[in-house]
Amino acid sequence: MAEIQILEKSYPVDLPDKVARKIESTINDMLEKIKEELDTSIMSDILCYGLINFAYLLIQEEQRRAKAVKRLDSMIAKLESTL
């Protein structure tokens, strides 16, 4: 199990490490750009919060895909063993 660190918080995720690092890098880069571009801290906080929620949804979707791939691999292995 990998961990994704966003704004100094770690979130355990059931994803391959390479995928977790890519998500972590992308989200943290976007958060930095938001903070650089916006003058008002309230708008920055709102956008950061929204981005973190989006990241959470993205992580959940990636975890579902990873589980689906594992199930398919298992089914294929069972089918191959019966042939």
PDB file of N, CA and C in Angstrom:
ATOM      1  N   MET A   1       0.844  -1.177   0.000  1.00  0.00           N
ATOM      2  CA  MET A   1       0.000   0.000   0.000  1.00  0.00           C
ATOM      3  C   MET A   1       0.889   1.241   0.000  1.00  0.00           C
ATOM      4  N   ALA A   2       0.561   2.159  -0.849  1.00  0.00           N
ATOM      5  CA  ALA A   2       1.334   3.400  -0.979  1.00  0.00           C
ATOM      6  C   ALA A   2       0.687   4.499  -0.136  1.00  0.00           C
ATOM      7  N   GLU A   3       1.385   5.610  -0.041  1.00  0.00           N
ATOM      8  CA  GLU A   3       0.844   6.791   0.629  1.00  0.00           C
ATOM      9  C   GLU A   3       1.007   7.982  -0.290  1.00  0.00           C
ATOM     10  N   ILE A   4       0.023   8.862  -0.241  1.00  0.00           N
ATOM     11  CA  ILE A   4       0.096  10.114  -0.980  1.00  0.00           C
ATOM     12  C   ILE A   4       0.150  11.230   0.047  1.00  0.00           C
ATOM     13  N   GLN A   5       1.107  12.129  -0.123  1.00  0.00           N
ATOM     14  CA  GLN A   5       1.238  13.247   0.808  1.00  0.00           C
ATOM     15  C   GLN A   5       0.788  14.526   0.113  1.00  0.00           C
ATOM     16  N   ILE A   6      -0.254  15.142   0.683  1.00  0.00           N
ATOM     17  CA  ILE A   6      -0.793  16.394   0.159  1.00  0.00           C
ATOM     18  C   ILE A   6      -0.861  17.379   1.312  1.00  0.00           C
ATOM     19  N   LEU A   7      -0.234  18.533   1.135  1.00  0.00           N
ATOM     20  CA  LEU A   7      -0.214  19.565   2.169  1.00  0.00           C
ATOM     21  C   LEU A   7       0.180  18.993   3.531  1.00  0.00           C
ATOM     22  N   GLU A   8       1.279  18.299   3.552  1.00  0.00           N
ATOM     23  CA  GLU A   8       1.871  17.754   4.776  1.00  0.00           C
ATOM     24  C   GLU A   8       0.998  16.711   5.473  1.00  0.00           C
ATOM     25  N   LYS A   9      -0.008  16.185   4.801  1.00  0.00           N
ATOM     26  CA  LYS A   9      -0.822  15.097   5.342  1.00  0.00           C
ATOM     27  C   LYS A   9      -0.629  13.881   4.453  1.00  0.00           C
ATOM     28  N   SER A  10      -0.542  12.718   5.084  1.00  0.00           N
ATOM     29  CA  SER A  10      -0.384  11.483   4.330  1.00  0.00           C
ATOM     30  C   SER A  10      -1.705  10.727   4.268  1.00  0.00           C
ATOM     31  N   TYR A  11      -1.980  10.191   3.096  1.00  0.00           N
ATOM     32  CA  TYR A  11      -3.196   9.422   2.879  1.00  0.00           C
ATOM     33  C   TYR A  11      -2.807   8.047   2.335  1.00  0.00           C
ATOM     34  N   PRO A  12      -3.129   6.968   3.060  1.00  0.00           N
ATOM     35  CA  PRO A  12      -2.823   5.634   2.535  1.00  0.00           C
ATOM     36  C   PRO A  12      -3.750   5.315   1.359  1.00  0.00           C
ATOM     37  N   VAL A  13      -3.189   4.762   0.316  1.00  0.00           N
ATOM     38  CA  VAL A  13      -3.974   4.409  -0.868  1.00  0.00           C
ATOM     39  C   VAL A  13      -3.594   3.010  -1.333  1.00  0.00           C
ATOM     40  N   ASP A  14      -4.556   2.317  -1.885  1.00  0.00           N
ATOM     41  CA  ASP A  14      -4.331   0.976  -2.405  1.00  0.00           C
ATOM     42  C   ASP A  14      -4.071   1.076  -3.905  1.00  0.00           C
ATOM     43  N   LEU A  15      -2.924   1.668  -4.231  1.00  0.00           N
ATOM     44  CA  LEU A  15      -2.532   1.884  -5.624  1.00  0.00           C
ATOM     45  C   LEU A  15      -1.065   1.531  -5.788  1.00  0.00           C
ATOM     46  N   PRO A  16      -0.664   1.226  -7.020  1.00  0.00           N
ATOM     47  CA  PRO A  16       0.769   1.050  -7.257  1.00  0.00           C
ATOM     48  C   PRO A  16       1.521   2.338  -6.921  1.00  0.00           C
ATOM     49  N   ASP A  17       2.734   2.195  -6.431  1.00  0.00           N
ATOM     50  CA  ASP A  17       3.511   3.354  -5.993  1.00  0.00           C
ATOM     51  C   ASP A  17       3.700   4.375  -7.115  1.00  0.00           C
ATOM     52  N   LYS A  18       3.914   3.906  -8.341  1.00  0.00           N
ATOM     53  CA  LYS A  18       4.128   4.818  -9.472  1.00  0.00           C
ATOM     54  C   LYS A  18       2.896   5.702  -9.704  1.00  0.00           C
ATOM     55  N   VAL A  19       1.720   5.115  -9.615  1.00  0.00           N
ATOM     56  CA  VAL A  19       0.476   5.871  -9.797  1.00  0.00           C
ATOM     57  C   VAL A  19       0.298   6.861  -8.650  1.00  0.00           C
ATOM     58  N   ALA A  20       0.565   6.401  -7.432  1.00  0.00           N
ATOM     59  CA  ALA A  20       0.433   7.277  -6.256  1.00  0.00           C
ATOM     60  C   ALA A  20       1.372   8.474  -6.353  1.00  0.00           C
ATOM     61  N   ARG A  21       2.611   8.258  -6.788  1.00  0.00           N
ATOM     62  CA  ARG A  21       3.574   9.360  -6.918  1.00  0.00           C
ATOM     63  C   ARG A  21       3.123  10.358  -7.970  1.00  0.00           C
ATOM     64  N   LYS A  22       2.552   9.871  -9.075  1.00  0.00           N
ATOM     65  CA  LYS A  22       2.084  10.762 -10.140  1.00  0.00           C
ATOM     66  C   LYS A  22       0.924  11.624  -9.647  1.00  0.00           C
ATOM     67  N   ILE A  23      -0.026  11.010  -8.957  1.00  0.00           N
ATOM     68  CA  ILE A  23      -1.154  11.766  -8.410  1.00  0.00           C
ATOM     69  C   ILE A  23      -0.650  12.794  -7.407  1.00  0.00           C
ATOM     70  N   GLU A  24       0.223  12.368  -6.507  1.00  0.00           N
ATOM     71  CA  GLU A  24       0.777  13.261  -5.486  1.00  0.00           C
ATOM     72  C   GLU A  24       1.479  14.455  -6.123  1.00  0.00           C
ATOM     73  N   SER A  25       2.304  14.196  -7.115  1.00  0.00           N
ATOM     74  CA  SER A  25       3.048  15.256  -7.792  1.00  0.00           C
ATOM     75  C   SER A  25       2.104  16.235  -8.492  1.00  0.00           C
ATOM     76  N   THR A  26       1.133  15.706  -9.209  1.00  0.00           N
ATOM     77  CA  THR A  26       0.194  16.552  -9.944  1.00  0.00           C
ATOM     78  C   THR A  26      -0.611  17.439  -9.006  1.00  0.00           C
ATOM     79  N   ILE A  27      -1.154  16.854  -7.959  1.00  0.00           N
ATOM     80  CA  ILE A  27      -1.975  17.621  -7.013  1.00  0.00           C
ATOM     81  C   ILE A  27      -1.144  18.686  -6.313  1.00  0.00           C
ATOM     82  N   ASN A  28       0.025  18.328  -5.834  1.00  0.00           N
ATOM     83  CA  ASN A  28       0.861  19.306  -5.129  1.00  0.00           C
ATOM     84  C   ASN A  28       1.323  20.432  -6.053  1.00  0.00           C
ATOM     85  N   ASP A  29       1.621  20.117  -7.314  1.00  0.00           N
ATOM     86  CA  ASP A  29       1.978  21.164  -8.279  1.00  0.00           C
ATOM     87  C   ASP A  29       0.808  22.128  -8.495  1.00  0.00           C
ATOM     88  N   MET A  30      -0.392  21.574  -8.625  1.00  0.00           N
ATOM     89  CA  MET A  30      -1.570  22.418  -8.829  1.00  0.00           C
ATOM     90  C   MET A  30      -1.839  23.291  -7.604  1.00  0.00           C
ATOM     91  N   LEU A  31      -1.669  22.742  -6.417  1.00  0.00           N
ATOM     92  CA  LEU A  31      -1.870  23.524  -5.195  1.00  0.00           C
ATOM     93  C   LEU A  31      -0.881  24.682  -5.115  1.00  0.00           C
ATOM     94  N   GLU A  32       0.362  24.438  -5.495  1.00  0.00           N
ATOM     95  CA  GLU A  32       1.375  25.504  -5.490  1.00  0.00           C
ATOM     96  C   GLU A  32       1.009  26.611  -6.472  1.00  0.00           C
ATOM     97  N   LYS A  33       0.549  26.228  -7.671  1.00  0.00           N
ATOM     98  CA  LYS A  33       0.157  27.225  -8.667  1.00  0.00           C
ATOM     99  C   LYS A  33      -1.017  28.064  -8.176  1.00  0.00           C
ATOM    100  N   ILE A  34      -1.972  27.418  -7.526  1.00  0.00           N
ATOM    101  CA  ILE A  34      -3.120  28.158  -6.982  1.00  0.00           C
ATOM    102  C   ILE A  34      -2.641  29.189  -5.975  1.00  0.00           C
ATOM    103  N   LYS A  35      -1.782  28.773  -5.077  1.00  0.00           N
ATOM    104  CA  LYS A  35      -1.290  29.690  -4.044  1.00  0.00           C
ATOM    105  C   LYS A  35      -0.497  30.849  -4.649  1.00  0.00           C
ATOM    106  N   GLU A  36       0.272  30.576  -5.710  1.00  0.00           N
ATOM    107  CA  GLU A  36       1.062  31.627  -6.359  1.00  0.00           C
ATOM    108  C   GLU A  36       0.179  32.621  -7.102  1.00  0.00           C
ATOM    109  N   GLU A  37      -0.863  32.135  -7.748  1.00  0.00           N
ATOM    110  CA  GLU A  37      -1.688  32.963  -8.624  1.00  0.00           C
ATOM    111  C   GLU A  37      -2.731  33.802  -7.896  1.00  0.00           C
ATOM    112  N   LEU A  38      -3.211  33.320  -6.774  1.00  0.00           N
ATOM    113  CA  LEU A  38      -4.310  34.014  -6.104  1.00  0.00           C
ATOM    114  C   LEU A  38      -3.805  34.923  -4.995  1.00  0.00           C
ATOM    115  N   ASP A  39      -4.360  36.121  -4.969  1.00  0.00           N
ATOM    116  CA  ASP A  39      -3.975  37.086  -3.942  1.00  0.00           C
ATOM    117  C   ASP A  39      -4.734  36.859  -2.639  1.00  0.00           C
ATOM    118  N   THR A  40      -5.993  36.501  -2.744  1.00  0.00           N
ATOM    119  CA  THR A  40      -6.802  36.357  -1.536  1.00  0.00           C
ATOM    120  C   THR A  40      -6.675  34.949  -0.977  1.00  0.00           C
ATOM    121  N   SER A  41      -6.442  34.879   0.283  1.00  0.00           N
ATOM    122  CA  SER A  41      -6.263  33.564   0.895  1.00  0.00           C
ATOM    123  C   SER A  41      -7.566  32.774   0.953  1.00  0.00           C
ATOM    124  N   ILE A  42      -8.707  33.469   1.030  1.00  0.00           N
ATOM    125  CA  ILE A  42      -9.989  32.759   1.085  1.00  0.00           C
ATOM    126  C   ILE A  42     -10.225  32.005  -0.222  1.00  0.00           C
ATOM    127  N   MET A  43     -10.026  32.664  -1.355  1.00  0.00           N
ATOM    128  CA  MET A  43     -10.198  31.995  -2.651  1.00  0.00           C
ATOM    129  C   MET A  43      -9.199  30.861  -2.793  1.00  0.00           C
ATOM    130  N   SER A  44      -7.989  31.098  -2.380  1.00  0.00           N
ATOM    131  CA  SER A  44      -6.956  30.072  -2.452  1.00  0.00           C
ATOM    132  C   SER A  44      -7.359  28.855  -1.623  1.00  0.00           C
ATOM    133  N   ASP A  45      -7.850  29.095  -0.412  1.00  0.00           N
ATOM    134  CA  ASP A  45      -8.274  27.996   0.459  1.00  0.00           C
ATOM    135  C   ASP A  45      -9.431  27.211  -0.148  1.00  0.00           C
ATOM    136  N   ILE A  46     -10.392  27.937  -0.728  1.00  0.00           N
ATOM    137  CA  ILE A  46     -11.546  27.274  -1.347  1.00  0.00           C
ATOM    138  C   ILE A  46     -11.095  26.398  -2.511  1.00  0.00           C
ATOM    139  N   LEU A  47     -10.248  26.937  -3.373  1.00  0.00           N
ATOM    140  CA  LEU A  47      -9.761  26.154  -4.511  1.00  0.00           C
ATOM    141  C   LEU A  47      -8.917  24.973  -4.058  1.00  0.00           C
ATOM    142  N   CYS A  48      -8.089  25.179  -3.051  1.00  0.00           N
ATOM    143  CA  CYS A  48      -7.264  24.081  -2.536  1.00  0.00           C
ATOM    144  C   CYS A  48      -8.149  22.973  -1.972  1.00  0.00           C
ATOM    145  N   TYR A  49      -9.173  23.356  -1.231  1.00  0.00           N
ATOM    146  CA  TYR A  49     -10.101  22.382  -0.665  1.00  0.00           C
ATOM    147  C   TYR A  49     -10.796  21.594  -1.779  1.00  0.00           C
ATOM    148  N   GLY A  50     -11.250  22.297  -2.811  1.00  0.00           N
ATOM    149  CA  GLY A  50     -11.880  21.634  -3.946  1.00  0.00           C
ATOM    150  C   GLY A  50     -10.927  20.694  -4.660  1.00  0.00           C
ATOM    151  N   LEU A  51      -9.692  21.112  -4.801  1.00  0.00           N
ATOM    152  CA  LEU A  51      -8.696  20.277  -5.468  1.00  0.00           C
ATOM    153  C   LEU A  51      -8.392  19.027  -4.653  1.00  0.00           C
ATOM    154  N   ILE A  52      -8.331  19.177  -3.345  1.00  0.00           N
ATOM    155  CA  ILE A  52      -8.092  18.014  -2.487  1.00  0.00           C
ATOM    156  C   ILE A  52      -9.270  17.042  -2.583  1.00  0.00           C
ATOM    157  N   ASN A  53     -10.492  17.555  -2.621  1.00  0.00           N
ATOM    158  CA  ASN A  53     -11.660  16.684  -2.798  1.00  0.00           C
ATOM    159  C   ASN A  53     -11.612  15.973  -4.145  1.00  0.00           C
ATOM    160  N   PHE A  54     -11.205  16.695  -5.188  1.00  0.00           N
ATOM    161  CA  PHE A  54     -11.057  16.081  -6.500  1.00  0.00           C
ATOM    162  C   PHE A  54     -10.004  14.978  -6.453  1.00  0.00           C
ATOM    163  N   ALA A  55      -8.902  15.246  -5.783  1.00  0.00           N
ATOM    164  CA  ALA A  55      -7.841  14.240  -5.659  1.00  0.00           C
ATOM    165  C   ALA A  55      -8.370  12.993  -4.959  1.00  0.00           C
ATOM    166  N   TYR A  56      -9.155  13.201  -3.923  1.00  0.00           N
ATOM    167  CA  TYR A  56      -9.738  12.072  -3.196  1.00  0.00           C
ATOM    168  C   TYR A  56     -10.607  11.221  -4.124  1.00  0.00           C
ATOM    169  N   LEU A  57     -11.438  11.870  -4.941  1.00  0.00           N
ATOM    170  CA  LEU A  57     -12.277  11.139  -5.890  1.00  0.00           C
ATOM    171  C   LEU A  57     -11.436  10.413  -6.931  1.00  0.00           C
ATOM    172  N   LEU A  58     -10.381  11.063  -7.389  1.00  0.00           N
ATOM    173  CA  LEU A  58      -9.480  10.439  -8.357  1.00  0.00           C
ATOM    174  C   LEU A  58      -8.815   9.203  -7.757  1.00  0.00           C
ATOM    175  N   ILE A  59      -8.375   9.324  -6.516  1.00  0.00           N
ATOM    176  CA  ILE A  59      -7.740   8.192  -5.834  1.00  0.00           C
ATOM    177  C   ILE A  59      -8.730   7.036  -5.693  1.00  0.00           C
ATOM    178  N   GLN A  60      -9.968   7.344  -5.304  1.00  0.00           N
ATOM    179  CA  GLN A  60     -10.978   6.294  -5.176  1.00  0.00           C
ATOM    180  C   GLN A  60     -11.203   5.583  -6.507  1.00  0.00           C
ATOM    181  N   GLU A  61     -11.273   6.338  -7.590  1.00  0.00           N
ATOM    182  CA  GLU A  61     -11.485   5.746  -8.911  1.00  0.00           C
ATOM    183  C   GLU A  61     -10.306   4.866  -9.306  1.00  0.00           C
ATOM    184  N   GLU A  62      -9.099   5.336  -9.060  1.00  0.00           N
ATOM    185  CA  GLU A  62      -7.915   4.536  -9.382  1.00  0.00           C
ATOM    186  C   GLU A  62      -7.893   3.252  -8.560  1.00  0.00           C
ATOM    187  N   GLN A  63      -8.309   3.326  -7.302  1.00  0.00           N
ATOM    188  CA  GLN A  63      -8.361   2.131  -6.464  1.00  0.00           C
ATOM    189  C   GLN A  63      -9.386   1.139  -7.005  1.00  0.00           C
ATOM    190  N   ARG A  64     -10.543   1.641  -7.459  1.00  0.00           N
ATOM    191  CA  ARG A  64     -11.553   0.755  -8.054  1.00  0.00           C
ATOM    192  C   ARG A  64     -11.002   0.076  -9.303  1.00  0.00           C
ATOM    193  N   ARG A  65     -10.304   0.836 -10.119  1.00  0.00           N
ATOM    194  CA  ARG A  65      -9.719   0.253 -11.336  1.00  0.00           C
ATOM    195  C   ARG A  65      -8.693  -0.816 -10.994  1.00  0.00           C
ATOM    196  N   ALA A  66      -7.852  -0.524 -10.010  1.00  0.00           N
ATOM    197  CA  ALA A  66      -6.826  -1.492  -9.609  1.00  0.00           C
ATOM    198  C   ALA A  66      -7.474  -2.785  -9.112  1.00  0.00           C
ATOM    199  N   LYS A  67      -8.548  -2.669  -8.335  1.00  0.00           N
ATOM    200  CA  LYS A  67      -9.253  -3.858  -7.846  1.00  0.00           C
ATOM    201  C   LYS A  67      -9.900  -4.611  -8.999  1.00  0.00           C
ATOM    202  N   ALA A  68     -10.465  -3.883  -9.957  1.00  0.00           N
ATOM    203  CA  ALA A  68     -11.094  -4.524 -11.111  1.00  0.00           C
ATOM    204  C   ALA A  68     -10.058  -5.283 -11.931  1.00  0.00           C
ATOM    205  N   VAL A  69      -8.888  -4.701 -12.104  1.00  0.00           N
ATOM    206  CA  VAL A  69      -7.817  -5.371 -12.851  1.00  0.00           C
ATOM    207  C   VAL A  69      -7.391  -6.639 -12.124  1.00  0.00           C
ATOM    208  N   LYS A  70      -7.277  -6.572 -10.805  1.00  0.00           N
ATOM    209  CA  LYS A  70      -6.912  -7.762 -10.027  1.00  0.00           C
ATOM    210  C   LYS A  70      -7.963  -8.853 -10.187  1.00  0.00           C
ATOM    211  N   ARG A  71      -9.244  -8.469 -10.142  1.00  0.00           N
ATOM    212  CA  ARG A  71     -10.317  -9.457 -10.311  1.00  0.00           C
ATOM    213  C   ARG A  71     -10.269 -10.073 -11.710  1.00  0.00           C
ATOM    214  N   LEU A  72     -10.057  -9.239 -12.719  1.00  0.00           N
ATOM    215  CA  LEU A  72      -9.968  -9.762 -14.086  1.00  0.00           C
ATOM    216  C   LEU A  72      -8.785 -10.708 -14.236  1.00  0.00           C
ATOM    217  N   ASP A  73      -7.649 -10.339 -13.670  1.00  0.00           N
ATOM    218  CA  ASP A  73      -6.477 -11.216 -13.727  1.00  0.00           C
ATOM    219  C   ASP A  73      -6.771 -12.555 -13.063  1.00  0.00           C
ATOM    220  N   SER A  74      -7.480 -12.511 -11.947  1.00  0.00           N
ATOM    221  CA  SER A  74      -7.845 -13.734 -11.232  1.00  0.00           C
ATOM    222  C   SER A  74      -8.782 -14.594 -12.073  1.00  0.00           C
ATOM    223  N   MET A  75      -9.771 -13.957 -12.700  1.00  0.00           N
ATOM    224  CA  MET A  75     -10.715 -14.690 -13.549  1.00  0.00           C
ATOM    225  C   MET A  75     -10.007 -15.315 -14.742  1.00  0.00           C
ATOM    226  N   ILE A  76      -9.120 -14.558 -15.354  1.00  0.00           N
ATOM    227  CA  ILE A  76      -8.370 -15.073 -16.506  1.00  0.00           C
ATOM    228  C   ILE A  76      -7.525 -16.262 -16.092  1.00  0.00           C
ATOM    229  N   ALA A  77      -6.875 -16.156 -14.940  1.00  0.00           N
ATOM    230  CA  ALA A  77      -6.050 -17.262 -14.450  1.00  0.00           C
ATOM    231  C   ALA A  77      -6.903 -18.506 -14.209  1.00  0.00           C
ATOM    232  N   LYS A  78      -8.098 -18.332 -13.642  1.00  0.00           N
ATOM    233  CA  LYS A  78      -8.997 -19.468 -13.406  1.00  0.00           C
ATOM    234  C   LYS A  78      -9.443 -20.084 -14.721  1.00  0.00           C
ATOM    235  N   LEU A  79      -9.792 -19.237 -15.689  1.00  0.00           N
ATOM    236  CA  LEU A  79     -10.210 -19.745 -16.999  1.00  0.00           C
ATOM    237  C   LEU A  79      -9.082 -20.495 -17.685  1.00  0.00           C
ATOM    238  N   GLU A  80      -7.881 -19.932 -17.612  1.00  0.00           N
ATOM    239  CA  GLU A  80      -6.733 -20.588 -18.242  1.00  0.00           C
ATOM    240  C   GLU A  80      -6.438 -21.929 -17.589  1.00  0.00           C
ATOM    241  N   SER A  81      -6.631 -22.017 -16.286  1.00  0.00           N
ATOM    242  CA  SER A  81      -6.345 -23.277 -15.593  1.00  0.00           C
ATOM    243  C   SER A  81      -7.388 -24.345 -15.911  1.00  0.00           C
ATOM    244  N   THR A  82      -8.597 -23.934 -16.294  1.00  0.00           N
ATOM    245  CA  THR A  82      -9.630 -24.916 -16.632  1.00  0.00           C
ATOM    246  C   THR A  82      -9.533 -25.372 -18.079  1.00  0.00           C
ATOM    247  N   LEU A  83      -8.810 -24.650 -18.902  1.00  0.00           N
ATOM    248  CA  LEU A  83      -8.691 -25.027 -20.321  1.00  0.00           C
ATOM    249  C   LEU A  83      -7.671 -26.099 -20.549  1.00  0.00           C
TER     250      LEU A  83
END
